Protein backbone atom coordinates (compact mmCIF):
# COMPACT_ATOMS: atom_id res chain seq x y z
CA MET A 1 -4.06 98.52 4.43
CA ASN A 2 -6.39 95.65 3.55
CA LYS A 3 -8.70 94.40 6.26
CA PHE A 4 -10.33 91.00 6.40
CA LYS A 5 -14.11 91.22 5.82
CA LEU A 6 -16.76 88.61 6.58
CA PRO A 7 -18.48 87.32 3.41
CA THR A 8 -21.91 88.72 2.65
CA LEU A 9 -24.88 86.79 1.28
CA LYS A 10 -24.34 88.54 -2.05
CA SER A 11 -20.69 87.48 -2.25
CA LEU A 12 -21.52 83.87 -1.28
CA GLY A 13 -23.91 83.41 -4.14
CA TRP A 14 -26.70 80.87 -4.42
CA VAL A 15 -24.54 77.79 -4.01
CA GLY A 16 -22.76 79.21 -0.98
CA LEU A 17 -26.04 80.16 0.65
CA VAL A 18 -27.38 76.62 0.27
CA GLY A 19 -24.16 75.19 1.77
CA VAL A 20 -24.30 77.48 4.79
CA THR A 21 -27.97 76.63 5.35
CA ILE A 22 -27.26 72.87 5.30
CA LEU A 23 -24.34 73.31 7.68
CA LEU A 24 -26.45 75.27 10.17
CA VAL A 25 -29.23 72.65 10.05
CA VAL A 26 -26.78 69.77 10.67
CA MET A 27 -25.10 71.59 13.55
CA SER A 28 -28.42 72.42 15.22
CA ARG A 29 -29.61 68.81 14.97
CA TRP A 30 -26.30 67.51 16.35
CA ALA A 31 -26.53 69.91 19.28
CA VAL A 32 -30.08 68.74 20.05
CA ALA A 33 -29.18 65.06 19.67
CA THR A 34 -26.07 65.19 21.88
CA PRO A 35 -26.57 67.62 24.74
CA ALA A 36 -23.42 68.27 26.78
CA PRO A 37 -23.50 66.74 30.28
CA ARG A 38 -24.23 69.38 32.87
CA HIS A 39 -22.24 67.64 35.66
CA TYR A 40 -19.64 64.88 35.88
CA THR A 41 -22.21 62.67 37.59
CA ASP A 42 -24.22 62.70 34.34
CA LEU A 43 -21.42 60.92 32.49
CA THR A 44 -21.90 57.22 31.74
CA PHE A 45 -19.24 54.72 30.79
CA PRO A 46 -19.38 51.17 29.42
CA PRO A 47 -18.30 48.37 31.75
CA LEU A 48 -14.59 47.55 31.79
CA PRO A 49 -13.62 44.69 29.48
CA GLU A 50 -12.57 41.37 30.98
CA ILE A 51 -8.80 41.01 31.29
CA GLU A 52 -7.13 37.94 29.83
CA LEU A 53 -3.58 36.80 30.40
CA PRO A 54 -1.35 36.80 27.30
CA ALA A 55 -0.32 33.36 26.09
CA TYR A 56 2.82 32.05 27.76
CA THR A 57 4.83 28.86 28.21
CA ARG A 58 6.27 27.49 31.43
CA TYR A 59 8.73 24.62 31.53
CA GLN A 60 11.68 23.35 33.55
CA LEU A 61 15.23 22.43 32.57
CA ASN A 62 16.77 19.18 33.76
CA ASN A 63 18.97 21.15 36.18
CA GLY A 64 15.86 22.52 37.91
CA MET A 65 15.71 26.04 36.46
CA VAL A 66 12.14 27.17 35.77
CA VAL A 67 11.54 29.13 32.55
CA TYR A 68 8.66 31.35 31.42
CA LEU A 69 8.38 32.50 27.80
CA MET A 70 5.92 35.14 26.55
CA GLU A 71 6.09 36.31 22.94
CA ASP A 72 5.23 39.92 22.15
CA HIS A 73 5.95 41.09 18.58
CA GLU A 74 4.72 44.66 18.89
CA LEU A 75 8.29 46.03 19.02
CA PRO A 76 11.66 44.50 17.99
CA LEU A 77 12.76 44.16 21.61
CA VAL A 78 13.49 41.28 23.98
CA SER A 79 13.95 41.48 27.75
CA GLY A 80 14.39 38.95 30.48
CA THR A 81 14.76 38.60 34.23
CA ALA A 82 16.07 35.82 36.42
CA MET A 83 14.82 35.68 40.00
CA VAL A 84 17.18 33.96 42.45
CA ARG A 85 16.19 32.61 45.85
CA THR A 86 18.38 34.75 48.06
CA GLY A 87 18.20 38.17 49.72
CA ASP A 88 20.00 40.46 52.12
CA ARG A 89 17.88 39.06 54.96
CA LEU A 90 20.10 35.95 54.67
CA GLU A 91 23.48 37.67 55.20
CA PRO A 92 25.34 37.30 58.53
CA PRO A 93 24.55 40.06 61.04
CA ASP A 94 28.22 41.04 61.29
CA LYS A 95 28.43 41.47 57.51
CA VAL A 96 25.36 43.54 56.71
CA GLY A 97 25.81 44.83 53.18
CA LEU A 98 27.23 41.56 51.83
CA ALA A 99 24.22 40.78 49.64
CA THR A 100 24.05 44.33 48.28
CA LEU A 101 27.74 44.24 47.36
CA THR A 102 27.39 40.78 45.81
CA GLY A 103 24.52 41.94 43.62
CA GLU A 104 26.44 45.05 42.52
CA VAL A 105 29.93 43.65 41.93
CA MET A 106 28.52 40.60 40.18
CA ARG A 107 27.90 42.94 37.25
CA THR A 108 30.43 45.77 37.68
CA GLY A 109 33.27 43.32 38.37
CA GLY A 110 32.85 41.59 35.03
CA THR A 111 33.23 37.88 34.34
CA THR A 112 36.08 35.44 33.88
CA VAL A 113 35.72 36.13 30.12
CA HIS A 114 35.00 39.88 29.93
CA SER A 115 35.96 42.68 32.32
CA GLY A 116 33.30 45.07 33.55
CA GLU A 117 34.55 47.72 31.12
CA GLU A 118 34.40 45.28 28.20
CA LEU A 119 30.83 44.34 29.13
CA ASN A 120 29.91 48.03 29.24
CA GLN A 121 31.40 48.66 25.81
CA LEU A 122 29.77 45.64 24.16
CA LEU A 123 26.36 46.53 25.59
CA GLU A 124 26.54 50.28 24.96
CA GLN A 125 27.37 49.69 21.29
CA ARG A 126 24.04 47.91 20.96
CA ALA A 127 21.90 50.05 23.29
CA ALA A 128 21.50 46.93 25.43
CA ALA A 129 21.74 46.34 29.17
CA VAL A 130 22.59 43.60 31.66
CA GLU A 131 22.03 44.36 35.35
CA THR A 132 22.14 42.46 38.65
CA ASP A 133 20.79 43.23 42.12
CA ILE A 134 19.95 41.62 45.46
CA SER A 135 17.09 43.06 47.50
CA ILE A 136 15.73 42.10 50.90
CA SER A 137 14.05 38.88 49.76
CA ALA A 138 15.28 38.10 46.22
CA GLY A 139 18.16 38.35 43.82
CA SER A 140 17.75 39.33 40.20
CA ALA A 141 19.62 39.51 36.92
CA SER A 142 18.08 41.18 33.88
CA PHE A 143 18.80 42.02 30.27
CA SER A 144 17.23 44.07 27.47
CA ALA A 145 18.18 44.15 23.80
CA LEU A 146 17.04 44.67 20.26
CA SER A 147 15.82 41.42 18.70
CA GLU A 148 18.71 41.44 16.23
CA ASP A 149 21.23 41.55 19.09
CA LEU A 150 19.57 38.88 21.22
CA ASN A 151 22.16 36.12 20.76
CA LEU A 152 25.12 38.25 21.82
CA VAL A 153 23.35 39.99 24.72
CA PHE A 154 21.84 36.76 26.03
CA ASP A 155 25.30 35.18 25.92
CA LEU A 156 26.65 38.04 28.08
CA PHE A 157 23.64 37.75 30.40
CA ALA A 158 24.30 34.02 30.94
CA GLU A 159 27.98 34.75 31.42
CA VAL A 160 27.35 37.32 34.16
CA ILE A 161 25.10 34.88 36.02
CA GLN A 162 27.39 31.85 35.78
CA LYS A 163 30.94 33.29 35.63
CA PRO A 164 31.21 36.45 37.75
CA ALA A 165 34.77 37.49 38.53
CA PHE A 166 34.09 39.73 41.56
CA ALA A 167 37.05 41.95 40.73
CA GLU A 168 38.78 43.33 43.82
CA ASP A 169 38.98 46.91 42.50
CA LYS A 170 35.24 47.01 41.81
CA LEU A 171 34.52 45.67 45.29
CA ALA A 172 36.70 48.41 46.79
CA LEU A 173 34.84 51.03 44.75
CA ALA A 174 31.44 49.65 45.79
CA LYS A 175 32.45 49.69 49.46
CA THR A 176 33.61 53.30 49.15
CA GLN A 177 30.27 54.26 47.60
CA GLN A 178 28.39 52.46 50.39
CA ALA A 179 30.48 54.30 52.98
CA GLY A 180 29.44 57.57 51.35
CA GLN A 181 25.78 56.58 51.68
CA ILE A 182 26.31 55.81 55.37
CA ALA A 183 27.81 59.27 55.89
CA ARG A 184 24.78 60.93 54.24
CA ARG A 185 22.02 58.77 55.67
CA ASN A 186 20.86 61.34 58.23
CA ASP A 187 20.53 64.18 55.71
CA ASP A 188 16.86 63.53 54.88
CA PRO A 189 14.30 63.48 57.76
CA ASP A 190 11.89 61.29 55.79
CA ASN A 191 14.61 58.68 55.26
CA ILE A 192 15.41 58.82 58.97
CA ALA A 193 11.74 58.23 59.80
CA VAL A 194 11.42 55.22 57.48
CA ARG A 195 14.65 53.63 58.71
CA GLU A 196 14.12 54.16 62.44
CA PHE A 197 10.44 53.20 62.30
CA ALA A 198 11.36 49.82 60.79
CA LYS A 199 13.79 49.28 63.68
CA LEU A 200 11.07 50.06 66.22
CA ILE A 201 8.66 47.62 64.60
CA TYR A 202 10.97 44.72 63.71
CA GLY A 203 13.85 45.35 66.11
CA GLU A 204 17.30 46.81 65.48
CA THR A 205 18.90 43.42 64.81
CA SER A 206 16.09 42.06 62.65
CA PRO A 207 17.09 41.22 59.06
CA TYR A 208 14.13 43.36 58.02
CA ALA A 209 15.45 46.51 59.70
CA ARG A 210 19.20 46.41 60.23
CA THR A 211 21.45 48.88 58.43
CA ILE A 212 24.87 48.79 56.82
CA GLU A 213 27.57 50.25 59.07
CA TYR A 214 31.23 51.07 58.51
CA GLN A 215 32.22 48.09 60.65
CA THR A 216 30.06 45.60 58.75
CA LEU A 217 31.53 46.91 55.48
CA ASP A 218 35.04 46.42 56.82
CA ASN A 219 34.18 42.80 57.65
CA ILE A 220 33.34 41.95 54.02
CA SER A 221 35.99 40.50 51.70
CA ARG A 222 35.95 39.21 48.13
CA ASN A 223 35.90 35.65 49.51
CA ASP A 224 32.64 36.51 51.29
CA LEU A 225 31.06 37.63 48.01
CA VAL A 226 32.18 34.44 46.28
CA ALA A 227 30.83 32.28 49.12
CA PHE A 228 27.49 34.10 49.20
CA TYR A 229 27.16 33.74 45.42
CA GLU A 230 28.04 30.04 45.46
CA LYS A 231 25.56 29.35 48.24
CA TYR A 232 22.52 30.75 46.46
CA PHE A 233 23.16 31.06 42.70
CA HIS A 234 22.15 27.63 41.43
CA PRO A 235 19.90 26.73 38.49
CA ALA A 236 17.42 25.02 40.82
CA ASN A 237 17.22 28.28 42.78
CA MET A 238 16.30 30.34 39.71
CA ILE A 239 13.22 31.36 37.73
CA LEU A 240 13.96 32.84 34.29
CA GLY A 241 11.35 34.84 32.39
CA ILE A 242 11.74 36.23 28.84
CA VAL A 243 9.28 38.45 26.98
CA GLY A 244 9.41 40.12 23.58
CA ASP A 245 10.00 39.65 19.90
CA PHE A 246 11.35 36.10 19.58
CA ASP A 247 10.41 32.64 18.36
CA SER A 248 9.75 30.33 21.29
CA ALA A 249 11.31 27.25 19.69
CA LYS A 250 14.54 29.12 18.93
CA MET A 251 14.53 30.67 22.38
CA ARG A 252 14.22 27.30 24.04
CA SER A 253 17.27 26.12 22.09
CA LEU A 254 19.20 29.23 23.10
CA ILE A 255 18.32 28.76 26.78
CA ALA A 256 19.31 25.09 26.64
CA GLU A 257 22.63 26.06 25.05
CA LYS A 258 23.48 28.77 27.58
CA PHE A 259 21.98 27.33 30.78
CA GLY A 260 21.27 23.64 30.18
CA ARG A 261 24.79 22.48 31.05
CA TRP A 262 24.99 24.65 34.18
CA THR A 263 25.26 22.34 37.16
CA ALA A 264 25.85 23.10 40.81
CA ALA A 265 25.49 21.49 44.19
CA LYS A 266 21.92 20.70 45.09
CA ALA A 267 20.39 23.87 46.49
CA GLU A 268 17.97 23.92 49.38
CA LYS A 269 15.25 26.54 49.51
CA PRO A 270 16.52 29.25 51.88
CA PRO A 271 14.51 29.65 55.10
CA VAL A 272 12.44 32.79 55.66
CA PRO A 273 13.61 34.62 58.80
CA PRO A 274 10.73 35.20 61.22
CA ALA A 275 9.42 38.65 62.12
CA SER A 276 7.68 39.93 65.24
CA GLN A 277 6.90 43.33 66.72
CA ALA A 278 9.69 44.68 68.91
CA LYS A 279 8.11 47.76 70.52
CA GLN A 280 4.52 47.42 71.71
CA GLY A 281 3.31 51.01 71.49
CA GLY A 282 5.12 54.11 72.71
CA ILE A 283 6.17 57.53 71.44
CA PHE A 284 9.68 58.06 70.08
CA LEU A 285 11.50 61.20 69.00
CA VAL A 286 14.49 61.93 66.80
CA ASP A 287 15.34 65.52 67.71
CA GLN A 288 16.53 67.56 64.73
CA PRO A 289 16.82 71.21 65.84
CA GLN A 290 17.33 72.50 62.30
CA LEU A 291 13.87 71.37 61.12
CA THR A 292 10.73 73.49 60.86
CA GLN A 293 8.41 70.54 60.26
CA SER A 294 7.93 67.00 61.53
CA SER A 295 8.07 63.71 59.68
CA ILE A 296 5.75 61.27 61.43
CA GLN A 297 5.31 57.52 61.18
CA MET A 298 2.77 55.54 63.20
CA GLY A 299 1.75 51.91 63.10
CA HIS A 300 2.41 48.31 64.03
CA LEU A 301 3.25 44.92 62.55
CA GLY A 302 1.03 43.92 59.64
CA GLY A 303 0.52 40.82 57.52
CA GLN A 304 0.94 39.11 54.15
CA PHE A 305 -0.75 39.27 50.74
CA ASN A 306 -2.06 35.72 51.05
CA ASN A 307 -4.27 36.62 54.00
CA PRO A 308 -7.89 35.92 52.90
CA ASP A 309 -8.84 39.33 54.32
CA TYR A 310 -6.38 41.24 52.13
CA PRO A 311 -9.02 42.36 49.57
CA ALA A 312 -11.16 43.90 52.33
CA LEU A 313 -8.08 45.49 53.89
CA ASP A 314 -7.21 47.04 50.54
CA VAL A 315 -10.71 48.49 50.24
CA MET A 316 -10.19 49.93 53.72
CA ASN A 317 -6.96 51.47 52.44
CA GLN A 318 -8.89 53.24 49.70
CA VAL A 319 -11.40 54.65 52.18
CA LEU A 320 -8.56 56.13 54.22
CA ASN A 321 -6.18 57.30 51.50
CA GLY A 322 -5.75 59.48 48.45
CA PHE A 323 -7.70 62.43 47.15
CA GLY A 324 -11.18 62.13 48.58
CA GLY A 325 -10.04 59.70 51.29
CA ARG A 326 -10.84 60.32 54.94
CA LEU A 327 -7.32 61.25 55.99
CA PHE A 328 -6.88 63.73 53.14
CA ASN A 329 -10.29 65.28 53.66
CA GLU A 330 -9.96 65.61 57.42
CA LEU A 331 -6.28 66.38 58.09
CA ARG A 332 -5.35 68.30 54.97
CA SER A 333 -8.52 69.83 53.57
CA ARG A 334 -10.57 70.51 56.71
CA GLN A 335 -8.01 71.00 59.48
CA GLY A 336 -5.04 72.09 57.35
CA PHE A 337 -2.53 70.01 59.34
CA ALA A 338 -0.75 68.04 56.68
CA TYR A 339 1.54 68.57 53.74
CA SER A 340 1.03 64.87 53.12
CA VAL A 341 -0.90 62.22 55.01
CA TYR A 342 -1.45 58.48 54.57
CA GLY A 343 -2.53 55.35 56.38
CA TYR A 344 -2.37 51.94 54.77
CA TRP A 345 -2.10 48.21 55.39
CA SER A 346 1.16 47.30 53.63
CA PRO A 347 1.61 43.51 53.37
CA ARG A 348 4.56 41.45 52.10
CA HIS A 349 4.63 38.14 50.25
CA ASP A 350 6.32 35.84 52.76
CA TYR A 351 6.79 37.85 55.98
CA PRO A 352 4.59 40.33 57.85
CA GLY A 353 4.59 43.87 56.50
CA MET A 354 3.34 46.85 58.49
CA PHE A 355 0.34 49.04 59.02
CA ILE A 356 1.77 52.52 58.52
CA ALA A 357 0.14 55.92 58.99
CA GLY A 358 1.80 59.29 58.98
CA GLY A 359 2.92 62.23 56.92
CA GLN A 360 4.58 65.61 57.22
CA THR A 361 3.30 68.65 59.07
CA ARG A 362 4.58 71.92 60.55
CA SER A 363 6.19 71.58 63.98
CA GLU A 364 3.41 73.23 65.99
CA ALA A 365 0.81 70.95 64.40
CA THR A 366 2.63 67.71 65.29
CA VAL A 367 0.53 66.68 68.27
CA PRO A 368 -2.83 67.66 66.72
CA PHE A 369 -1.79 65.76 63.57
CA ILE A 370 -1.06 62.58 65.54
CA GLN A 371 -4.32 62.89 67.49
CA ALA A 372 -6.29 63.41 64.29
CA VAL A 373 -4.77 60.31 62.66
CA LEU A 374 -5.57 58.23 65.75
CA ALA A 375 -9.12 59.57 65.69
CA GLU A 376 -9.57 58.48 62.06
CA ILE A 377 -8.20 55.03 62.85
CA GLU A 378 -10.65 54.71 65.73
CA LYS A 379 -13.49 56.00 63.56
CA ILE A 380 -13.00 53.40 60.83
CA ARG A 381 -12.80 50.69 63.50
CA THR A 382 -16.00 51.68 65.27
CA THR A 383 -18.22 53.29 62.63
CA PRO A 384 -19.33 51.53 59.44
CA VAL A 385 -18.23 53.17 56.20
CA THR A 386 -21.05 54.65 54.15
CA PRO A 387 -22.41 52.95 51.01
CA ALA A 388 -20.98 55.81 48.95
CA GLU A 389 -17.52 55.36 50.48
CA LEU A 390 -17.63 51.61 49.86
CA THR A 391 -18.70 52.04 46.24
CA LEU A 392 -16.06 54.68 45.54
CA ALA A 393 -13.29 52.65 47.19
CA LYS A 394 -14.18 49.45 45.32
CA ASP A 395 -14.47 51.32 42.02
CA GLN A 396 -11.04 52.87 42.53
CA VAL A 397 -9.48 49.46 43.17
CA LEU A 398 -11.30 47.65 40.35
CA ASN A 399 -10.85 50.43 37.79
CA SER A 400 -7.12 50.52 38.48
CA PHE A 401 -6.91 46.75 38.03
CA VAL A 402 -6.27 47.15 34.30
CA PHE A 403 -2.97 48.93 35.04
CA ASN A 404 -1.59 45.60 36.25
CA PHE A 405 -1.69 44.46 32.61
CA GLN A 406 -0.42 47.47 30.65
CA ASP A 407 2.18 45.35 28.87
CA PRO A 408 3.17 41.66 28.77
CA SER A 409 6.34 42.23 30.81
CA GLN A 410 4.22 43.28 33.80
CA THR A 411 2.16 40.13 33.54
CA LEU A 412 5.22 37.92 33.20
CA ALA A 413 6.90 39.55 36.21
CA ARG A 414 3.77 38.91 38.27
CA LEU A 415 3.61 35.25 37.26
CA MET A 416 7.26 34.78 38.21
CA ARG A 417 6.78 36.58 41.51
CA TYR A 418 3.82 34.38 42.43
CA GLU A 419 5.78 31.21 41.69
CA TYR A 420 8.81 32.54 43.60
CA TYR A 421 6.73 33.13 46.74
CA GLY A 422 4.47 30.09 46.33
CA TYR A 423 1.25 31.90 45.31
CA PRO A 424 -1.28 30.52 42.81
CA ALA A 425 -0.94 31.89 39.27
CA ASP A 426 -4.48 33.31 39.42
CA PHE A 427 -3.91 35.08 42.76
CA LEU A 428 -4.54 38.52 41.27
CA PHE A 429 -7.92 37.45 39.90
CA ARG A 430 -8.87 35.91 43.25
CA TYR A 431 -7.99 39.25 44.82
CA GLN A 432 -10.12 41.06 42.23
CA GLN A 433 -13.12 38.86 43.05
CA GLY A 434 -12.50 39.38 46.76
CA VAL A 435 -12.69 43.16 46.26
CA LYS A 436 -15.96 42.78 44.35
CA ASN A 437 -17.41 40.72 47.20
CA THR A 438 -16.32 43.12 49.97
CA THR A 439 -19.18 44.58 52.02
CA ILE A 440 -19.54 47.39 54.54
CA GLU A 441 -19.48 44.76 57.28
CA ASP A 442 -16.23 43.30 55.90
CA VAL A 443 -14.47 46.67 56.03
CA GLN A 444 -15.50 47.30 59.62
CA ARG A 445 -14.63 43.73 60.63
CA VAL A 446 -11.07 43.88 59.25
CA ALA A 447 -10.56 47.39 60.66
CA GLN A 448 -11.55 46.15 64.12
CA GLN A 449 -9.48 42.99 63.82
CA TYR A 450 -6.28 44.27 62.23
CA LEU A 451 -5.94 47.89 63.34
CA GLN A 452 -4.71 47.73 66.94
CA PRO A 453 -4.45 51.16 68.63
CA ASP A 454 -2.80 49.73 71.75
CA LYS A 455 0.14 48.48 69.65
CA ILE A 456 0.67 51.65 67.60
CA VAL A 457 4.24 52.92 67.73
CA THR A 458 4.62 56.65 67.03
CA LEU A 459 7.87 58.10 65.72
CA VAL A 460 8.49 61.82 65.17
CA VAL A 461 11.53 63.25 63.42
CA GLY A 462 11.42 66.96 64.19
CA ASN A 463 12.51 69.93 66.28
CA ALA A 464 11.58 69.16 69.90
CA SER A 465 11.75 72.82 70.96
CA THR A 466 9.12 73.94 68.41
CA ILE A 467 6.73 71.00 68.84
CA GLN A 468 4.08 72.76 70.92
CA PRO A 469 2.22 71.30 72.66
CA PRO A 470 5.07 68.85 73.32
CA LEU A 471 4.87 65.12 72.69
CA SER A 472 4.83 64.64 76.48
CA SER A 473 1.29 66.05 76.47
CA MET A 474 0.18 62.75 74.94
CA SER A 475 2.36 60.50 77.11
CA PRO A 476 4.77 61.10 80.00
CA ASN A 477 7.16 58.59 78.46
CA VAL A 478 8.71 59.92 75.25
CA THR A 479 11.85 58.04 74.23
CA SER A 480 14.60 59.94 72.42
CA LEU A 481 16.47 57.97 69.77
CA ASP A 482 20.18 58.39 69.11
CA ILE A 483 20.89 58.18 65.39
CA THR A 484 24.58 59.03 65.63
CA ILE A 485 26.48 57.14 62.95
CA PRO A 486 29.12 54.84 64.49
CA ALA A 487 32.55 56.05 63.41
CA PRO A 488 34.64 53.88 61.08
CA LYS A 489 37.40 51.85 62.61
CA THR A 490 40.68 53.75 62.60
CA SER A 491 43.59 51.99 60.94
């Protein structure tokens, strides 16, 4: 059996010996010239490059529709999104679910030209997509296609927006699917916590917290979908953005052909429903005897992105959150209370968001967990953050800034969103500069001003019998919440 043997000097010969010698000399010099860092703190990095917006065009059709175009020829793909001034916050309170169904059946129900199944077949044959949706504060329609299929897919996209059929059978199917979601909505304790906490903050009947029920589904007819669509889907209510591999001049002609002749009654900008805090403090419990851990949410009404203090509030978020943040270090690493823990100022564009803290912990650690979170909130309000904490938090925010511009579609979506909500196009860069300018004093000032312990609402979804010490050890008044799902109306 042959065995591999290392070469000897004799077998290498004179030429080989010279080569080995040169190699050893080069390697030794390289090792001396570039010593390996002994610790991660020894590493140095060049400053981040300045970020520039890709070139884009904005214009407006005669019918009022705003259009953004951004060419990107890296791949033979084109995608687009239309934002529509609507939202489920605008639906009648006795027909909660109307906007969701409108956004779904607008696509699944097909058009007056093609059925939903025909649309599916045409799009699937070309690996393309057309989708529609209505969220809490906006409606959307989107498409994606290969460049070579743009004309056909864009024609279908325009057709779905302007000629939806709202087929009765697809509405019935969508309502059945929604009823199934109602039946399962108490299966996940985290989902219960999110849903019920929003009701405590905004109020059960608030358009920012109400839920779809069997009765509200029963109240919705096809005529309601048509009326909701006709009220809000107008060209003057729409912002269209397209990005990808196309020629702008040809695209403008295509948009004029498909949308330029679309006329509708003059649309008024929908009002933004107001929001205020319903419960001013208090401890609330959803008793789930089958659970071995608690899902906890704590907080109060928050604010909007356009608050001048938002950059400092976001730096405060970084001090509190994530790996290396105060909450993680104290509650998870040092005290071992939490499976997960967080605390952040969560704003919205045109209505107040929330300050939310919470996480998941084992049942017997529920009360200590809540007390520890409150202690960290009080600490950041009363004690200045350290220079190291400030530097780390600002670096985390600024270094992640580049991820807002990973591809042109992200940038285009942001520009459209800012116009939709009335923000300046350079809002993100103003925010970036605000983060750079944030000081230790700014963080403590916004923590004192915006974090309000006396207004903190605490919600626990857990097993009351295994929460020891009980929630009553923190307050004699613990309110139990009934999350029983109202039964559907019997026929």
